[in-house]
C-alpha atoms as a PDB file:
ATOM      1  CA  MET A   1      32.668 -19.293 -26.183  1.00  0.00           C
ATOM      2  CA  GLU A   2      33.198 -18.660 -22.484  1.00  0.00           C
ATOM      3  CA  GLN A   3      31.535 -15.653 -20.962  1.00  0.00           C
ATOM      4  CA  THR A   4      32.663 -13.558 -18.018  1.00  0.00           C
ATOM      5  CA  PHE A   5      30.383 -12.249 -15.308  1.00  0.00           C
ATOM      6  CA  ARG A   6      30.123  -8.893 -13.587  1.00  0.00           C
ATOM      7  CA  PRO A   7      27.659  -7.072 -11.338  1.00  0.00           C
ATOM      8  CA  VAL A   8      25.423  -4.382 -12.809  1.00  0.00           C
ATOM      9  CA  LEU A   9      23.937  -1.862 -10.395  1.00  0.00           C
ATOM     10  CA  THR A  10      21.146   0.601 -11.023  1.00  0.00           C
ATOM     11  CA  ILE A  11      20.918   3.338  -8.415  1.00  0.00           C
ATOM     12  CA  ARG A  12      17.601   5.039  -7.730  1.00  0.00           C
ATOM     13  CA  ILE A  13      17.006   7.682  -5.080  1.00  0.00           C
ATOM     14  CA  PHE A  14      13.665   7.520  -3.279  1.00  0.00           C
ATOM     15  CA  GLY A  15      11.863   9.870  -0.936  1.00  0.00           C
ATOM     16  CA  GLU A  16       8.230   9.019  -0.480  1.00  0.00           C
ATOM     17  CA  GLU A  17       8.468   7.786  -4.056  1.00  0.00           C
ATOM     18  CA  LYS A  18      11.087   7.449  -6.778  1.00  0.00           C
ATOM     19  CA  CYS A  19      12.596  10.869  -7.479  1.00  0.00           C
ATOM     20  CA  PHE A  20      16.036  10.529  -9.103  1.00  0.00           C
ATOM     21  CA  VAL A  21      16.848   7.643 -11.412  1.00  0.00           C
ATOM     22  CA  PRO A  22      19.477   6.895 -14.052  1.00  0.00           C
ATOM     23  CA  GLY A  23      17.243   8.279 -16.809  1.00  0.00           C
ATOM     24  CA  VAL A  24      17.043  11.673 -15.091  1.00  0.00           C
ATOM     25  CA  ALA A  25      20.825  11.694 -14.758  1.00  0.00           C
ATOM     26  CA  VAL A  26      21.264  10.892 -18.465  1.00  0.00           C
ATOM     27  CA  LEU A  27      18.849  13.661 -19.401  1.00  0.00           C
ATOM     28  CA  LEU A  28      20.631  16.190 -17.179  1.00  0.00           C
ATOM     29  CA  ARG A  29      24.029  15.243 -18.608  1.00  0.00           C
ATOM     30  CA  LYS A  30      22.660  15.798 -22.110  1.00  0.00           C
ATOM     31  CA  VAL A  31      21.153  19.168 -21.132  1.00  0.00           C
ATOM     32  CA  ARG A  32      24.545  20.127 -19.674  1.00  0.00           C
ATOM     33  CA  GLU A  33      26.150  19.202 -23.003  1.00  0.00           C
ATOM     34  CA  LEU A  34      23.532  20.534 -25.433  1.00  0.00           C
ATOM     35  CA  HIS A  35      22.033  23.471 -23.445  1.00  0.00           C
ATOM     36  CA  SER A  36      18.530  22.437 -24.495  1.00  0.00           C
ATOM     37  CA  LEU A  37      15.972  20.077 -23.025  1.00  0.00           C
ATOM     38  CA  ARG A  38      14.453  19.483 -26.453  1.00  0.00           C
ATOM     39  CA  ALA A  39      17.854  18.629 -27.999  1.00  0.00           C
ATOM     40  CA  ALA A  40      18.733  16.471 -24.990  1.00  0.00           C
ATOM     41  CA  ALA A  41      15.491  14.507 -25.292  1.00  0.00           C
ATOM     42  CA  MET A  42      15.933  14.054 -29.048  1.00  0.00           C
ATOM     43  CA  SER A  43      19.524  12.863 -28.611  1.00  0.00           C
ATOM     44  CA  ILE A  44      18.367   9.950 -26.450  1.00  0.00           C
ATOM     45  CA  GLY A  45      15.239   9.184 -28.472  1.00  0.00           C
ATOM     46  CA  MET A  46      12.792  10.583 -25.930  1.00  0.00           C
ATOM     47  CA  ALA A  47       9.793  12.786 -26.618  1.00  0.00           C
ATOM     48  CA  TYR A  48      10.204  16.340 -25.324  1.00  0.00           C
ATOM     49  CA  SER A  49       6.911  16.056 -23.431  1.00  0.00           C
ATOM     50  CA  LYS A  50       8.128  12.917 -21.644  1.00  0.00           C
ATOM     51  CA  ALA A  51      11.452  14.562 -20.767  1.00  0.00           C
ATOM     52  CA  TRP A  52       9.653  17.575 -19.361  1.00  0.00           C
ATOM     53  CA  THR A  53       7.293  15.374 -17.325  1.00  0.00           C
ATOM     54  CA  ILE A  54      10.180  13.321 -15.915  1.00  0.00           C
ATOM     55  CA  LEU A  55      12.061  16.445 -14.883  1.00  0.00           C
ATOM     56  CA  LYS A  56       8.951  18.127 -13.463  1.00  0.00           C
ATOM     57  CA  ASN A  57       8.207  15.046 -11.332  1.00  0.00           C
ATOM     58  CA  ALA A  58      11.824  14.792 -10.146  1.00  0.00           C
ATOM     59  CA  GLN A  59      11.893  18.492  -9.210  1.00  0.00           C
ATOM     60  CA  GLN A  60       8.608  18.176  -7.350  1.00  0.00           C
ATOM     61  CA  SER A  61       9.811  15.144  -5.380  1.00  0.00           C
ATOM     62  CA  LEU A  62      13.217  16.662  -4.626  1.00  0.00           C
ATOM     63  CA  GLY A  63      11.839  20.042  -3.637  1.00  0.00           C
ATOM     64  CA  PHE A  64      14.135  22.107  -5.855  1.00  0.00           C
ATOM     65  CA  LYS A  65      14.623  22.982  -9.513  1.00  0.00           C
ATOM     66  CA  LEU A  66      17.072  21.005 -11.629  1.00  0.00           C
ATOM     67  CA  LEU A  67      16.869  23.211 -14.735  1.00  0.00           C
ATOM     68  CA  ASP A  68      16.601  26.857 -15.597  1.00  0.00           C
ATOM     69  CA  SER A  69      14.916  27.260 -18.983  1.00  0.00           C
ATOM     70  CA  THR A  70      14.336  30.189 -21.272  1.00  0.00           C
ATOM     71  CA  THR A  71      11.854  30.163 -24.106  1.00  0.00           C
ATOM     72  CA  GLY A  72      12.712  31.055 -27.693  1.00  0.00           C
ATOM     73  CA  GLY A  73      12.660  34.517 -29.128  1.00  0.00           C
ATOM     74  CA  LYS A  74      15.259  36.785 -30.652  1.00  0.00           C
ATOM     75  CA  HIS A  75      18.190  34.921 -29.109  1.00  0.00           C
ATOM     76  CA  GLY A  76      16.547  31.501 -28.963  1.00  0.00           C
ATOM     77  CA  GLY A  77      15.737  29.476 -25.897  1.00  0.00           C
ATOM     78  CA  GLY A  78      17.788  27.099 -23.910  1.00  0.00           C
ATOM     79  CA  ALA A  79      18.253  25.285 -20.656  1.00  0.00           C
ATOM     80  CA  ARG A  80      20.973  24.859 -18.116  1.00  0.00           C
ATOM     81  CA  LEU A  81      21.283  22.992 -14.873  1.00  0.00           C
ATOM     82  CA  THR A  82      20.651  24.986 -11.727  1.00  0.00           C
ATOM     83  CA  PRO A  83      23.451  25.026  -9.148  1.00  0.00           C
ATOM     84  CA  GLU A  84      21.417  22.467  -7.173  1.00  0.00           C
ATOM     85  CA  GLY A  85      21.006  20.344 -10.303  1.00  0.00           C
ATOM     86  CA  GLU A  86      24.762  20.461 -10.958  1.00  0.00           C
ATOM     87  CA  THR A  87      25.544  19.530  -7.357  1.00  0.00           C
ATOM     88  CA  LEU A  88      23.030  16.670  -7.308  1.00  0.00           C
ATOM     89  CA  LEU A  89      24.187  15.249 -10.646  1.00  0.00           C
ATOM     90  CA  ASP A  90      27.862  15.397  -9.635  1.00  0.00           C
ATOM     91  CA  ALA A  91      27.119  13.780  -6.260  1.00  0.00           C
ATOM     92  CA  TYR A  92      24.986  11.077  -7.904  1.00  0.00           C
ATOM     93  CA  ASP A  93      27.710  10.281 -10.458  1.00  0.00           C
ATOM     94  CA  CYS A  94      30.371  10.112  -7.725  1.00  0.00           C
ATOM     95  CA  TYR A  95      28.168   7.928  -5.512  1.00  0.00           C
ATOM     96  CA  CYS A  96      27.398   5.539  -8.385  1.00  0.00           C
ATOM     97  CA  ALA A  97      31.069   5.274  -9.367  1.00  0.00           C
ATOM     98  CA  ARG A  98      32.111   4.481  -5.791  1.00  0.00           C
ATOM     99  CA  LEU A  99      29.342   1.890  -5.405  1.00  0.00           C
ATOM    100  CA  ARG A 100      30.275   0.215  -8.698  1.00  0.00           C
ATOM    101  CA  THR A 101      33.928   0.019  -7.663  1.00  0.00           C
ATOM    102  CA  TYR A 102      33.002  -1.545  -4.333  1.00  0.00           C
ATOM    103  CA  ALA A 103      30.457  -3.866  -5.970  1.00  0.00           C
ATOM    104  CA  GLN A 104      33.097  -5.135  -8.413  1.00  0.00           C
ATOM    105  CA  GLU A 105      35.578  -5.766  -5.580  1.00  0.00           C
ATOM    106  CA  LEU A 106      32.968  -7.597  -3.492  1.00  0.00           C
ATOM    107  CA  PHE A 107      31.753  -9.543  -6.520  1.00  0.00           C
ATOM    108  CA  SER A 108      35.300 -10.662  -7.309  1.00  0.00           C
ATOM    109  CA  GLU A 109      35.925 -11.724  -3.704  1.00  0.00           C
ATOM    110  CA  THR A 110      32.601 -13.551  -3.486  1.00  0.00           C
ATOM    111  CA  PHE A 111      32.516 -15.318  -6.851  1.00  0.00           C
ATOM    112  CA  ASP A 112      36.216 -15.918  -7.596  1.00  0.00           C
ATOM    113  CA  GLY A 113      36.616 -19.604  -8.438  1.00  0.00           C
ATOM    114  CA  ILE A 114      32.871 -20.042  -8.893  1.00  0.00           C
ATOM    115  CA  LEU A 115      32.238 -17.893 -11.991  1.00  0.00           C
ATOM    116  CA  PRO A 116      34.642 -16.770 -14.716  1.00  0.00           C
ATOM    117  CA  LEU A 117      35.411 -13.132 -13.961  1.00  0.00           C
END
């Protein structure tokens, strides 16, 4: 069985320290879909407390909120991305897609004839 090769990139954004990583992006996408941090965390097999800590640390490092949350009650709680969170997530996804496209092109140019692509 012959295998093919490809590059795999993981994009992390750093300030003084790591502040936005693929896991934060996954969590935000799930919050966007499910309108709940708890449901988002459960859907990816993460403890709610860990999800909250990851988001709190990211927000602190970035200097702005990623989520607006409301607690339960008569109408239930929920969460949604802030406008800044939406903008950052969209920009991150676009940046990653463009980098992956370029990485694949460069990989093909560099390794064509050396590795099965």
